[in-house]
Amino acid sequence: MKTLALLLVVALATAVTLAYDSHESHESYERYEFAPRGPWERQRETCEEYNPCERYAMRHGWGAAYKRYFGQRAGGRY
């Protein structure tokens, strides 16, 4: 009986884990790209994915944060 109860708990935990739907799983579907994105939007997304850049942006703005963390790359324009 204890084995059956344990098996049910494990099955329930597995089902909940597999059924969990996070907001990250829908990020690519949030916006349908009918027009090309501007460079500022790509820069902001790049900065949002890097925590130090995102924190700096909250204080100094997205342009300044991107320039500080990614603006020195060779061959790239910002």
N, C-alpha and C. Protein backbone atom coordinates (compact mmCIF):
# COMPACT_ATOMS: atom_id res chain seq x y z
N MET A 1 0.82 -1.20 0.00
CA MET A 1 0.00 0.00 0.00
C MET A 1 0.87 1.26 0.00
N LYS A 2 1.96 1.22 0.77
CA LYS A 2 2.85 2.37 0.80
C LYS A 2 3.52 2.57 -0.56
N THR A 3 3.82 1.48 -1.23
CA THR A 3 4.44 1.56 -2.54
C THR A 3 3.49 2.21 -3.55
N LEU A 4 2.22 1.85 -3.47
CA LEU A 4 1.23 2.44 -4.36
C LEU A 4 1.09 3.94 -4.11
N ALA A 5 1.06 4.34 -2.85
CA ALA A 5 0.95 5.76 -2.50
C ALA A 5 2.17 6.53 -2.98
N LEU A 6 3.35 5.95 -2.81
CA LEU A 6 4.58 6.59 -3.27
C LEU A 6 4.58 6.72 -4.79
N LEU A 7 4.15 5.67 -5.46
CA LEU A 7 4.07 5.70 -6.91
C LEU A 7 3.09 6.77 -7.39
N LEU A 8 1.97 6.93 -6.72
CA LEU A 8 1.00 7.97 -7.09
C LEU A 8 1.57 9.38 -6.88
N VAL A 9 2.32 9.56 -5.80
CA VAL A 9 2.93 10.87 -5.52
C VAL A 9 3.96 11.20 -6.60
N VAL A 10 4.78 10.22 -6.96
CA VAL A 10 5.79 10.44 -7.99
C VAL A 10 5.12 10.73 -9.34
N ALA A 11 4.06 9.99 -9.66
CA ALA A 11 3.35 10.21 -10.92
C ALA A 11 2.72 11.60 -10.94
N LEU A 12 2.14 12.03 -9.84
CA LEU A 12 1.54 13.35 -9.75
C LEU A 12 2.60 14.44 -9.90
N ALA A 13 3.72 14.28 -9.23
CA ALA A 13 4.80 15.26 -9.33
C ALA A 13 5.33 15.35 -10.77
N THR A 14 5.45 14.22 -11.42
CA THR A 14 5.91 14.20 -12.81
C THR A 14 4.90 14.90 -13.72
N ALA A 15 3.63 14.63 -13.52
CA ALA A 15 2.61 15.26 -14.35
C ALA A 15 2.59 16.77 -14.16
N VAL A 16 2.73 17.23 -12.93
CA VAL A 16 2.73 18.66 -12.65
C VAL A 16 3.97 19.31 -13.28
N THR A 17 5.11 18.65 -13.17
CA THR A 17 6.34 19.20 -13.73
C THR A 17 6.26 19.31 -15.25
N LEU A 18 5.74 18.29 -15.90
CA LEU A 18 5.65 18.30 -17.35
C LEU A 18 4.57 19.24 -17.86
N ALA A 19 3.54 19.47 -17.06
CA ALA A 19 2.43 20.32 -17.48
C ALA A 19 2.68 21.80 -17.19
N TYR A 20 3.72 22.12 -16.40
CA TYR A 20 4.01 23.50 -16.04
C TYR A 20 4.31 24.30 -17.30
N ASP A 21 3.67 25.44 -17.45
CA ASP A 21 3.82 26.27 -18.63
C ASP A 21 4.33 27.64 -18.20
N SER A 22 5.61 27.88 -18.35
CA SER A 22 6.18 29.15 -17.92
C SER A 22 6.00 30.22 -18.99
N HIS A 23 6.19 31.46 -18.61
CA HIS A 23 6.06 32.55 -19.57
C HIS A 23 7.19 32.54 -20.59
N GLU A 24 8.34 31.93 -20.24
CA GLU A 24 9.45 31.86 -21.19
C GLU A 24 9.09 31.02 -22.41
N SER A 25 8.22 30.03 -22.22
CA SER A 25 7.89 29.16 -23.34
C SER A 25 7.08 29.88 -24.41
N HIS A 26 6.52 31.05 -24.08
CA HIS A 26 5.70 31.78 -25.05
C HIS A 26 6.39 33.03 -25.57
N GLU A 27 7.62 33.29 -25.14
CA GLU A 27 8.28 34.53 -25.54
C GLU A 27 8.42 34.67 -27.04
N SER A 28 8.70 33.59 -27.73
CA SER A 28 8.89 33.69 -29.17
C SER A 28 7.57 33.92 -29.90
N TYR A 29 6.45 33.68 -29.25
CA TYR A 29 5.15 33.86 -29.88
C TYR A 29 4.48 35.18 -29.49
N GLU A 30 5.13 35.95 -28.62
CA GLU A 30 4.51 37.19 -28.17
C GLU A 30 4.33 38.20 -29.29
N ARG A 31 5.25 38.21 -30.21
CA ARG A 31 5.22 39.21 -31.26
C ARG A 31 5.50 38.53 -32.59
N TYR A 32 4.61 38.71 -33.51
CA TYR A 32 4.83 38.19 -34.85
C TYR A 32 5.56 39.26 -35.64
N GLU A 33 6.65 38.88 -36.23
CA GLU A 33 7.53 39.83 -36.89
C GLU A 33 7.07 40.12 -38.32
N PHE A 34 6.27 41.15 -38.48
CA PHE A 34 5.85 41.57 -39.82
C PHE A 34 6.83 42.55 -40.41
N ALA A 35 7.56 43.25 -39.57
CA ALA A 35 8.54 44.22 -40.04
C ALA A 35 9.83 43.96 -39.28
N PRO A 36 10.96 44.29 -39.89
CA PRO A 36 12.23 44.09 -39.18
C PRO A 36 12.32 44.99 -37.95
N ARG A 37 12.92 44.45 -36.93
CA ARG A 37 13.11 45.23 -35.71
C ARG A 37 14.26 46.21 -35.89
N GLY A 38 14.15 47.31 -35.21
CA GLY A 38 15.22 48.30 -35.27
C GLY A 38 16.39 47.87 -34.41
N PRO A 39 17.56 48.45 -34.63
CA PRO A 39 18.73 48.05 -33.85
C PRO A 39 18.58 48.34 -32.37
N TRP A 40 17.84 49.37 -32.02
CA TRP A 40 17.65 49.69 -30.60
C TRP A 40 16.90 48.56 -29.88
N GLU A 41 15.97 47.93 -30.58
CA GLU A 41 15.20 46.86 -29.95
C GLU A 41 16.07 45.62 -29.74
N ARG A 42 16.90 45.30 -30.71
CA ARG A 42 17.83 44.17 -30.55
C ARG A 42 18.82 44.44 -29.44
N GLN A 43 19.28 45.68 -29.36
CA GLN A 43 20.23 46.05 -28.31
C GLN A 43 19.60 45.91 -26.93
N ARG A 44 18.36 46.36 -26.82
CA ARG A 44 17.67 46.27 -25.53
C ARG A 44 17.48 44.81 -25.12
N GLU A 45 17.09 43.95 -26.06
CA GLU A 45 16.90 42.54 -25.74
C GLU A 45 18.22 41.89 -25.33
N THR A 46 19.30 42.26 -26.01
CA THR A 46 20.61 41.73 -25.64
C THR A 46 20.96 42.15 -24.23
N CYS A 47 20.72 43.40 -23.92
CA CYS A 47 21.03 43.93 -22.60
C CYS A 47 20.15 43.29 -21.52
N GLU A 48 18.88 43.03 -21.82
CA GLU A 48 17.97 42.42 -20.85
C GLU A 48 18.41 41.01 -20.46
N GLU A 49 19.10 40.32 -21.37
CA GLU A 49 19.52 38.95 -21.10
C GLU A 49 20.77 38.88 -20.23
N TYR A 50 21.43 40.00 -19.98
CA TYR A 50 22.65 40.05 -19.18
C TYR A 50 22.38 40.91 -17.96
N ASN A 51 22.31 40.28 -16.79
CA ASN A 51 21.86 40.96 -15.57
C ASN A 51 22.61 42.24 -15.23
N PRO A 52 23.95 42.28 -15.29
CA PRO A 52 24.61 43.55 -14.98
C PRO A 52 24.20 44.68 -15.92
N CYS A 53 24.01 44.36 -17.20
CA CYS A 53 23.58 45.37 -18.17
C CYS A 53 22.17 45.84 -17.85
N GLU A 54 21.30 44.92 -17.52
CA GLU A 54 19.91 45.29 -17.20
C GLU A 54 19.85 46.18 -15.96
N ARG A 55 20.63 45.85 -14.93
CA ARG A 55 20.65 46.69 -13.73
C ARG A 55 21.19 48.08 -14.02
N TYR A 56 22.25 48.15 -14.83
CA TYR A 56 22.82 49.44 -15.20
C TYR A 56 21.79 50.26 -15.99
N ALA A 57 21.04 49.58 -16.85
CA ALA A 57 20.03 50.26 -17.67
C ALA A 57 18.92 50.87 -16.83
N MET A 58 18.58 50.23 -15.73
CA MET A 58 17.52 50.77 -14.87
C MET A 58 17.93 52.13 -14.30
N ARG A 59 19.21 52.34 -14.17
CA ARG A 59 19.69 53.57 -13.59
C ARG A 59 20.11 54.61 -14.63
N HIS A 60 20.70 54.13 -15.74
CA HIS A 60 21.30 55.05 -16.70
C HIS A 60 20.68 55.02 -18.09
N GLY A 61 19.74 54.12 -18.32
CA GLY A 61 19.10 54.02 -19.64
C GLY A 61 19.68 52.88 -20.46
N TRP A 62 18.84 52.39 -21.41
CA TRP A 62 19.22 51.22 -22.20
C TRP A 62 20.38 51.51 -23.13
N GLY A 63 20.39 52.68 -23.74
CA GLY A 63 21.47 53.02 -24.67
C GLY A 63 22.82 53.06 -23.98
N ALA A 64 22.86 53.70 -22.82
CA ALA A 64 24.12 53.81 -22.07
C ALA A 64 24.58 52.44 -21.58
N ALA A 65 23.63 51.62 -21.15
CA ALA A 65 23.99 50.29 -20.65
C ALA A 65 24.52 49.41 -21.77
N TYR A 66 23.87 49.44 -22.92
CA TYR A 66 24.34 48.63 -24.05
C TYR A 66 25.74 49.08 -24.48
N LYS A 67 25.91 50.38 -24.55
CA LYS A 67 27.21 50.92 -24.95
C LYS A 67 28.31 50.50 -23.96
N ARG A 68 27.97 50.51 -22.68
CA ARG A 68 28.97 50.15 -21.67
C ARG A 68 29.35 48.67 -21.74
N TYR A 69 28.38 47.79 -21.90
CA TYR A 69 28.66 46.36 -21.84
C TYR A 69 28.93 45.72 -23.20
N PHE A 70 28.39 46.26 -24.27
CA PHE A 70 28.52 45.61 -25.57
C PHE A 70 29.05 46.53 -26.65
N GLY A 71 29.26 47.80 -26.37
CA GLY A 71 29.63 48.78 -27.38
C GLY A 71 31.07 48.67 -27.87
N GLN A 72 31.93 47.99 -27.14
CA GLN A 72 33.34 47.91 -27.51
C GLN A 72 33.66 46.71 -28.38
N ARG A 73 32.66 45.97 -28.82
CA ARG A 73 32.91 44.79 -29.65
C ARG A 73 33.47 45.20 -31.00
N ALA A 74 34.43 44.46 -31.48
CA ALA A 74 35.08 44.78 -32.75
C ALA A 74 34.11 44.60 -33.91
N GLY A 75 34.08 45.54 -34.80
CA GLY A 75 33.27 45.46 -35.99
C GLY A 75 31.81 45.76 -35.79
N GLY A 76 31.37 45.95 -34.57
CA GLY A 76 29.95 46.19 -34.32
C GLY A 76 29.64 47.66 -34.20
N ARG A 77 28.47 48.03 -34.66
CA ARG A 77 28.00 49.40 -34.50
C ARG A 77 26.95 49.41 -33.41
N TYR A 78 26.87 50.46 -32.69
CA TYR A 78 25.86 50.61 -31.67
C TYR A 78 25.18 51.89 -31.90
